[in-house]
């Protein structure tokens, strides 16, 4: 019973986080808040994937990739 309830909650959390990620991505395309909203989209999508798969590995990988993209976009490269 407990595992079934936990799985149902994880699926609901996963769906909501994925929807927040899609919303943030659409906001990114329609505004100039590119790096902030893209990072939010990546993070929310990662939470959604992790909640569905019940593992932290996809979350960590996607957050690391998103952080790299965010830092690379915010810090100017001097050549």
PDB file of N, CA and C in Angstrom:
ATOM      1  N   UNK A   1       0.820  -1.190   0.000  1.00  0.00           N
ATOM      2  CA  UNK A   1       0.000   0.000   0.000  1.00  0.00           C
ATOM      3  C   UNK A   1       0.868   1.259   0.000  1.00  0.00           C
ATOM      4  N   UNK A   2       1.889   1.303   0.845  1.00  0.00           N
ATOM      5  CA  UNK A   2       2.744   2.490   0.941  1.00  0.00           C
ATOM      6  C   UNK A   2       3.501   2.723  -0.353  1.00  0.00           C
ATOM      7  N   UNK A   3       4.032   1.644  -0.945  1.00  0.00           N
ATOM      8  CA  UNK A   3       4.789   1.786  -2.192  1.00  0.00           C
ATOM      9  C   UNK A   3       3.880   2.279  -3.314  1.00  0.00           C
ATOM     10  N   UNK A   4       2.651   1.784  -3.351  1.00  0.00           N
ATOM     11  CA  UNK A   4       1.719   2.208  -4.389  1.00  0.00           C
ATOM     12  C   UNK A   4       1.391   3.696  -4.255  1.00  0.00           C
ATOM     13  N   UNK A   5       1.142   4.146  -3.034  1.00  0.00           N
ATOM     14  CA  UNK A   5       0.839   5.560  -2.806  1.00  0.00           C
ATOM     15  C   UNK A   5       2.038   6.428  -3.160  1.00  0.00           C
ATOM     16  N   UNK A   6       3.226   5.985  -2.768  1.00  0.00           N
ATOM     17  CA  UNK A   6       4.445   6.739  -3.063  1.00  0.00           C
ATOM     18  C   UNK A   6       4.665   6.847  -4.566  1.00  0.00           C
ATOM     19  N   UNK A   7       4.438   5.773  -5.290  1.00  0.00           N
ATOM     20  CA  UNK A   7       4.619   5.780  -6.741  1.00  0.00           C
ATOM     21  C   UNK A   7       3.630   6.731  -7.407  1.00  0.00           C
ATOM     22  N   UNK A   8       2.372   6.714  -6.957  1.00  0.00           N
ATOM     23  CA  UNK A   8       1.370   7.618  -7.525  1.00  0.00           C
ATOM     24  C   UNK A   8       1.743   9.075  -7.287  1.00  0.00           C
ATOM     25  N   UNK A   9       2.223   9.384  -6.088  1.00  0.00           N
ATOM     26  CA  UNK A   9       2.637  10.752  -5.774  1.00  0.00           C
ATOM     27  C   UNK A   9       3.817  11.154  -6.645  1.00  0.00           C
ATOM     28  N   UNK A  10       4.785  10.240  -6.825  1.00  0.00           N
ATOM     29  CA  UNK A  10       5.947  10.539  -7.655  1.00  0.00           C
ATOM     30  C   UNK A  10       5.540  10.834  -9.095  1.00  0.00           C
ATOM     31  N   UNK A  11       4.576  10.090  -9.616  1.00  0.00           N
ATOM     32  CA  UNK A  11       4.121  10.319 -10.989  1.00  0.00           C
ATOM     33  C   UNK A  11       3.446  11.684 -11.102  1.00  0.00           C
ATOM     34  N   UNK A  12       2.630  12.038 -10.112  1.00  0.00           N
ATOM     35  CA  UNK A  12       1.963  13.349 -10.129  1.00  0.00           C
ATOM     36  C   UNK A  12       2.994  14.465 -10.047  1.00  0.00           C
ATOM     37  N   UNK A  13       3.963  14.331  -9.138  1.00  0.00           N
ATOM     38  CA  UNK A  13       5.024  15.334  -9.015  1.00  0.00           C
ATOM     39  C   UNK A  13       5.808  15.421 -10.316  1.00  0.00           C
ATOM     40  N   UNK A  14       6.097  14.283 -10.923  1.00  0.00           N
ATOM     41  CA  UNK A  14       6.828  14.267 -12.189  1.00  0.00           C
ATOM     42  C   UNK A  14       6.091  14.993 -13.291  1.00  0.00           C
ATOM     43  N   UNK A  15       4.787  14.764 -13.387  1.00  0.00           N
ATOM     44  CA  UNK A  15       3.994  15.435 -14.423  1.00  0.00           C
ATOM     45  C   UNK A  15       3.940  16.941 -14.198  1.00  0.00           C
ATOM     46  N   UNK A  16       3.743  17.350 -12.953  1.00  0.00           N
ATOM     47  CA  UNK A  16       3.675  18.788 -12.665  1.00  0.00           C
ATOM     48  C   UNK A  16       5.012  19.466 -12.926  1.00  0.00           C
ATOM     49  N   UNK A  17       6.097  18.826 -12.519  1.00  0.00           N
ATOM     50  CA  UNK A  17       7.416  19.422 -12.752  1.00  0.00           C
ATOM     51  C   UNK A  17       7.715  19.509 -14.238  1.00  0.00           C
ATOM     52  N   UNK A  18       7.313  18.484 -14.997  1.00  0.00           N
ATOM     53  CA  UNK A  18       7.529  18.521 -16.440  1.00  0.00           C
ATOM     54  C   UNK A  18       6.721  19.659 -17.074  1.00  0.00           C
ATOM     55  N   UNK A  19       5.494  19.874 -16.612  1.00  0.00           N
ATOM     56  CA  UNK A  19       4.685  20.983 -17.132  1.00  0.00           C
ATOM     57  C   UNK A  19       5.313  22.333 -16.796  1.00  0.00           C
ATOM     58  N   UNK A  20       5.856  22.468 -15.580  1.00  0.00           N
ATOM     59  CA  UNK A  20       6.554  23.707 -15.227  1.00  0.00           C
ATOM     60  C   UNK A  20       7.765  23.907 -16.123  1.00  0.00           C
ATOM     61  N   UNK A  21       8.466  22.817 -16.427  1.00  0.00           N
ATOM     62  CA  UNK A  21       9.621  22.918 -17.320  1.00  0.00           C
ATOM     63  C   UNK A  21       9.231  23.385 -18.710  1.00  0.00           C
ATOM     64  N   UNK A  22       8.131  22.838 -19.237  1.00  0.00           N
ATOM     65  CA  UNK A  22       7.658  23.243 -20.565  1.00  0.00           C
ATOM     66  C   UNK A  22       7.228  24.711 -20.546  1.00  0.00           C
ATOM     67  N   UNK A  23       6.532  25.121 -19.472  1.00  0.00           N
ATOM     68  CA  UNK A  23       6.113  26.520 -19.351  1.00  0.00           C
ATOM     69  C   UNK A  23       7.312  27.458 -19.308  1.00  0.00           C
ATOM     70  N   UNK A  24       8.329  27.085 -18.532  1.00  0.00           N
ATOM     71  CA  UNK A  24       9.532  27.915 -18.449  1.00  0.00           C
ATOM     72  C   UNK A  24      10.243  27.986 -19.790  1.00  0.00           C
ATOM     73  N   UNK A  25      10.252  26.881 -20.526  1.00  0.00           N
ATOM     74  CA  UNK A  25      10.902  26.871 -21.835  1.00  0.00           C
ATOM     75  C   UNK A  25      10.159  27.772 -22.815  1.00  0.00           C
ATOM     76  N   UNK A  26       8.827  27.731 -22.797  1.00  0.00           N
ATOM     77  CA  UNK A  26       8.046  28.617 -23.666  1.00  0.00           C
ATOM     78  C   UNK A  26       8.254  30.078 -23.283  1.00  0.00           C
ATOM     79  N   UNK A  27       8.345  30.358 -21.983  1.00  0.00           N
ATOM     80  CA  UNK A  27       8.622  31.724 -21.535  1.00  0.00           C
ATOM     81  C   UNK A  27       9.991  32.169 -22.015  1.00  0.00           C
ATOM     82  N   UNK A  28      10.944  31.250 -22.013  1.00  0.00           N
ATOM     83  CA  UNK A  28      12.293  31.541 -22.499  1.00  0.00           C
ATOM     84  C   UNK A  28      12.255  31.971 -23.959  1.00  0.00           C
ATOM     85  N   UNK A  29      11.426  31.314 -24.767  1.00  0.00           N
ATOM     86  CA  UNK A  29      11.360  31.636 -26.191  1.00  0.00           C
ATOM     87  C   UNK A  29      10.675  32.975 -26.452  1.00  0.00           C
ATOM     88  N   UNK A  30       9.777  33.393 -25.563  1.00  0.00           N
ATOM     89  CA  UNK A  30       9.010  34.610 -25.820  1.00  0.00           C
ATOM     90  C   UNK A  30       9.542  35.837 -25.093  1.00  0.00           C
ATOM     91  N   UNK A  31      10.550  35.676 -24.244  1.00  0.00           N
ATOM     92  CA  UNK A  31      11.122  36.816 -23.521  1.00  0.00           C
ATOM     93  C   UNK A  31      12.633  36.814 -23.689  1.00  0.00           C
ATOM     94  N   UNK A  32      13.267  37.821 -23.124  1.00  0.00           N
ATOM     95  CA  UNK A  32      14.723  37.901 -23.182  1.00  0.00           C
ATOM     96  C   UNK A  32      15.390  37.351 -21.928  1.00  0.00           C
ATOM     97  N   UNK A  33      14.636  36.672 -21.074  1.00  0.00           N
ATOM     98  CA  UNK A  33      15.197  36.114 -19.845  1.00  0.00           C
ATOM     99  C   UNK A  33      15.761  34.727 -20.122  1.00  0.00           C
ATOM    100  N   UNK A  34      16.592  34.636 -21.151  1.00  0.00           N
ATOM    101  CA  UNK A  34      16.986  33.335 -21.666  1.00  0.00           C
ATOM    102  C   UNK A  34      17.625  32.423 -20.627  1.00  0.00           C
ATOM    103  N   UNK A  35      18.674  32.874 -19.984  1.00  0.00           N
ATOM    104  CA  UNK A  35      19.443  31.962 -19.147  1.00  0.00           C
ATOM    105  C   UNK A  35      18.690  31.561 -17.886  1.00  0.00           C
ATOM    106  N   UNK A  36      17.969  32.495 -17.285  1.00  0.00           N
ATOM    107  CA  UNK A  36      17.228  32.178 -16.064  1.00  0.00           C
ATOM    108  C   UNK A  36      16.106  31.198 -16.363  1.00  0.00           C
ATOM    109  N   UNK A  37      15.315  31.468 -17.389  1.00  0.00           N
ATOM    110  CA  UNK A  37      14.177  30.606 -17.692  1.00  0.00           C
ATOM    111  C   UNK A  37      14.624  29.262 -18.255  1.00  0.00           C
ATOM    112  N   UNK A  38      15.711  29.254 -19.021  1.00  0.00           N
ATOM    113  CA  UNK A  38      16.205  27.986 -19.544  1.00  0.00           C
ATOM    114  C   UNK A  38      16.695  27.105 -18.407  1.00  0.00           C
ATOM    115  N   UNK A  39      17.380  27.704 -17.439  1.00  0.00           N
ATOM    116  CA  UNK A  39      17.835  26.938 -16.287  1.00  0.00           C
ATOM    117  C   UNK A  39      16.643  26.406 -15.492  1.00  0.00           C
ATOM    118  N   UNK A  40      15.598  27.220 -15.349  1.00  0.00           N
ATOM    119  CA  UNK A  40      14.383  26.770 -14.658  1.00  0.00           C
ATOM    120  C   UNK A  40      13.736  25.614 -15.407  1.00  0.00           C
ATOM    121  N   UNK A  41      13.699  25.709 -16.726  1.00  0.00           N
ATOM    122  CA  UNK A  41      13.116  24.637 -17.533  1.00  0.00           C
ATOM    123  C   UNK A  41      13.898  23.347 -17.372  1.00  0.00           C
ATOM    124  N   UNK A  42      15.218  23.453 -17.408  1.00  0.00           N
ATOM    125  CA  UNK A  42      16.059  22.263 -17.273  1.00  0.00           C
ATOM    126  C   UNK A  42      15.893  21.643 -15.894  1.00  0.00           C
ATOM    127  N   UNK A  43      15.876  22.482 -14.870  1.00  0.00           N
ATOM    128  CA  UNK A  43      15.751  21.970 -13.505  1.00  0.00           C
ATOM    129  C   UNK A  43      14.396  21.308 -13.280  1.00  0.00           C
ATOM    130  N   UNK A  44      13.319  21.957 -13.714  1.00  0.00           N
ATOM    131  CA  UNK A  44      11.982  21.387 -13.534  1.00  0.00           C
ATOM    132  C   UNK A  44      11.821  20.091 -14.310  1.00  0.00           C
ATOM    133  N   UNK A  45      12.352  20.047 -15.516  1.00  0.00           N
ATOM    134  CA  UNK A  45      12.275  18.822 -16.304  1.00  0.00           C
ATOM    135  C   UNK A  45      13.069  17.705 -15.653  1.00  0.00           C
ATOM    136  N   UNK A  46      14.217  18.047 -15.070  1.00  0.00           N
ATOM    137  CA  UNK A  46      15.032  17.044 -14.382  1.00  0.00           C
ATOM    138  C   UNK A  46      14.297  16.479 -13.176  1.00  0.00           C
ATOM    139  N   UNK A  47      13.621  17.340 -12.435  1.00  0.00           N
ATOM    140  CA  UNK A  47      12.839  16.873 -11.286  1.00  0.00           C
ATOM    141  C   UNK A  47      11.724  15.949 -11.759  1.00  0.00           C
ATOM    142  N   UNK A  48      11.095  16.298 -12.874  1.00  0.00           N
ATOM    143  CA  UNK A  48      10.046  15.451 -13.420  1.00  0.00           C
ATOM    144  C   UNK A  48      10.553  14.084 -13.828  1.00  0.00           C
ATOM    145  N   UNK A  49      11.695  14.043 -14.483  1.00  0.00           N
ATOM    146  CA  UNK A  49      12.292  12.765 -14.896  1.00  0.00           C
ATOM    147  C   UNK A  49      12.669  11.945 -13.674  1.00  0.00           C
ATOM    148  N   UNK A  50      13.289  12.584 -12.692  1.00  0.00           N
ATOM    149  CA  UNK A  50      13.719  11.866 -11.493  1.00  0.00           C
ATOM    150  C   UNK A  50      12.529  11.324 -10.708  1.00  0.00           C
ATOM    151  N   UNK A  51      11.449  12.095 -10.646  1.00  0.00           N
ATOM    152  CA  UNK A  51      10.272  11.631  -9.911  1.00  0.00           C
ATOM    153  C   UNK A  51       9.631  10.439 -10.601  1.00  0.00           C
ATOM    154  N   UNK A  52       9.642  10.443 -11.916  1.00  0.00           N
ATOM    155  CA  UNK A  52       9.060   9.307 -12.639  1.00  0.00           C
ATOM    156  C   UNK A  52       9.940   8.072 -12.541  1.00  0.00           C
ATOM    157  N   UNK A  53      11.240   8.247 -12.688  1.00  0.00           N
ATOM    158  CA  UNK A  53      12.160   7.110 -12.657  1.00  0.00           C
ATOM    159  C   UNK A  53      12.602   6.761 -11.245  1.00  0.00           C
ATOM    160  N   UNK A  54      12.287   7.617 -10.274  1.00  0.00           N
ATOM    161  CA  UNK A  54      12.658   7.445  -8.876  1.00  0.00           C
ATOM    162  C   UNK A  54      14.163   7.253  -8.721  1.00  0.00           C
ATOM    163  N   UNK A  55      14.910   8.111  -9.366  1.00  0.00           N
ATOM    164  CA  UNK A  55      16.362   8.071  -9.241  1.00  0.00           C
ATOM    165  C   UNK A  55      16.905   9.483  -9.319  1.00  0.00           C
ATOM    166  N   UNK A  56      18.030   9.709  -8.700  1.00  0.00           N
ATOM    167  CA  UNK A  56      18.629  11.045  -8.686  1.00  0.00           C
ATOM    168  C   UNK A  56      19.650  11.241  -9.793  1.00  0.00           C
ATOM    169  N   UNK A  57      20.039  10.184 -10.480  1.00  0.00           N
ATOM    170  CA  UNK A  57      21.096  10.295 -11.493  1.00  0.00           C
ATOM    171  C   UNK A  57      20.693  11.212 -12.645  1.00  0.00           C
ATOM    172  N   UNK A  58      19.498  11.073 -13.244  1.00  0.00           N
ATOM    173  CA  UNK A  58      19.135  12.013 -14.315  1.00  0.00           C
ATOM    174  C   UNK A  58      19.062  13.454 -13.821  1.00  0.00           C
ATOM    175  N   UNK A  59      18.589  13.636 -12.592  1.00  0.00           N
ATOM    176  CA  UNK A  59      18.503  14.988 -12.040  1.00  0.00           C
ATOM    177  C   UNK A  59      19.869  15.619 -11.949  1.00  0.00           C
ATOM    178  N   UNK A  60      20.815  14.905 -11.387  1.00  0.00           N
ATOM    179  CA  UNK A  60      22.163  15.450 -11.241  1.00  0.00           C
ATOM    180  C   UNK A  60      22.792  15.754 -12.592  1.00  0.00           C
ATOM    181  N   UNK A  61      22.647  14.851 -13.544  1.00  0.00           N
ATOM    182  CA  UNK A  61      23.251  15.055 -14.862  1.00  0.00           C
ATOM    183  C   UNK A  61      22.662  16.278 -15.561  1.00  0.00           C
ATOM    184  N   UNK A  62      21.353  16.424 -15.507  1.00  0.00           N
ATOM    185  CA  UNK A  62      20.712  17.534 -16.202  1.00  0.00           C
ATOM    186  C   UNK A  62      20.984  18.858 -15.490  1.00  0.00           C
ATOM    187  N   UNK A  63      21.008  18.850 -14.149  1.00  0.00           N
ATOM    188  CA  UNK A  63      21.307  20.084 -13.417  1.00  0.00           C
ATOM    189  C   UNK A  63      22.742  20.524 -13.671  1.00  0.00           C
ATOM    190  N   UNK A  64      23.673  19.575 -13.739  1.00  0.00           N
ATOM    191  CA  UNK A  64      25.068  19.930 -14.038  1.00  0.00           C
ATOM    192  C   UNK A  64      25.172  20.531 -15.437  1.00  0.00           C
ATOM    193  N   UNK A  65      24.499  19.914 -16.406  1.00  0.00           N
ATOM    194  CA  UNK A  65      24.528  20.440 -17.774  1.00  0.00           C
ATOM    195  C   UNK A  65      23.877  21.823 -17.834  1.00  0.00           C
ATOM    196  N   UNK A  66      22.766  21.996 -17.133  1.00  0.00           N
ATOM    197  CA  UNK A  66      22.096  23.295 -17.111  1.00  0.00           C
ATOM    198  C   UNK A  66      22.931  24.363 -16.429  1.00  0.00           C
ATOM    199  N   UNK A  67      23.611  23.993 -15.356  1.00  0.00           N
ATOM    200  CA  UNK A  67      24.474  24.949 -14.659  1.00  0.00           C
ATOM    201  C   UNK A  67      25.623  25.384 -15.550  1.00  0.00           C
ATOM    202  N   UNK A  68      26.190  24.445 -16.287  1.00  0.00           N
ATOM    203  CA  UNK A  68      27.285  24.781 -17.201  1.00  0.00           C
ATOM    204  C   UNK A  68      26.799  25.769 -18.261  1.00  0.00           C
ATOM    205  N   UNK A  69      25.619  25.505 -18.814  1.00  0.00           N
ATOM    206  CA  UNK A  69      25.068  26.397 -19.838  1.00  0.00           C
ATOM    207  C   UNK A  69      24.786  27.781 -19.258  1.00  0.00           C
ATOM    208  N   UNK A  70      24.235  27.821 -18.043  1.00  0.00           N
ATOM    209  CA  UNK A  70      23.920  29.095 -17.399  1.00  0.00           C
ATOM    210  C   UNK A  70      25.181  29.901 -17.139  1.00  0.00           C
ATOM    211  N   UNK A  71      26.191  29.267 -16.571  1.00  0.00           N
ATOM    212  CA  UNK A  71      27.444  29.969 -16.265  1.00  0.00           C
ATOM    213  C   UNK A  71      28.132  30.413 -17.549  1.00  0.00           C
ATOM    214  N   UNK A  72      28.134  29.562 -18.542  1.00  0.00           N
ATOM    215  CA  UNK A  72      28.769  29.902 -19.820  1.00  0.00           C
ATOM    216  C   UNK A  72      28.077  31.099 -20.473  1.00  0.00           C
ATOM    217  N   UNK A  73      26.762  31.190 -20.324  1.00  0.00           N
ATOM    218  CA  UNK A  73      26.029  32.307 -20.909  1.00  0.00           C
ATOM    219  C   UNK A  73      26.184  33.605 -20.139  1.00  0.00           C
ATOM    220  N   UNK A  74      26.387  33.509 -18.832  1.00  0.00           N
ATOM    221  CA  UNK A  74      26.482  34.712 -18.015  1.00  0.00           C
ATOM    222  C   UNK A  74      27.896  35.272 -17.922  1.00  0.00           C
ATOM    223  N   UNK A  75      28.897  34.402 -18.017  1.00  0.00           N
ATOM    224  CA  UNK A  75      30.287  34.848 -17.884  1.00  0.00           C
ATOM    225  C   UNK A  75      30.855  35.083 -19.278  1.00  0.00           C
ATOM    226  N   UNK A  76      31.280  36.303 -19.575  1.00  0.00           N
ATOM    227  CA  UNK A  76      31.840  36.565 -20.912  1.00  0.00           C
ATOM    228  C   UNK A  76      33.177  35.854 -21.104  1.00  0.00           C
ATOM    229  N   UNK A  77      33.362  35.329 -22.299  1.00  0.00           N
ATOM    230  CA  UNK A  77      34.613  34.652 -22.636  1.00  0.00           C
ATOM    231  C   UNK A  77      35.540  35.672 -23.281  1.00  0.00           C
ATOM    232  N   UNK A  78      36.699  35.881 -22.681  1.00  0.00           N
ATOM    233  CA  UNK A  78      37.669  36.849 -23.193  1.00  0.00           C
ATOM    234  C   UNK A  78      38.657  36.105 -24.076  1.00  0.00           C
ATOM    235  N   UNK A  79      38.738  36.524 -25.328  1.00  0.00           N
ATOM    236  CA  UNK A  79      39.685  35.871 -26.250  1.00  0.00           C
ATOM    237  C   UNK A  79      40.696  36.872 -26.752  1.00  0.00           C
TER     238      UNK A  79
END
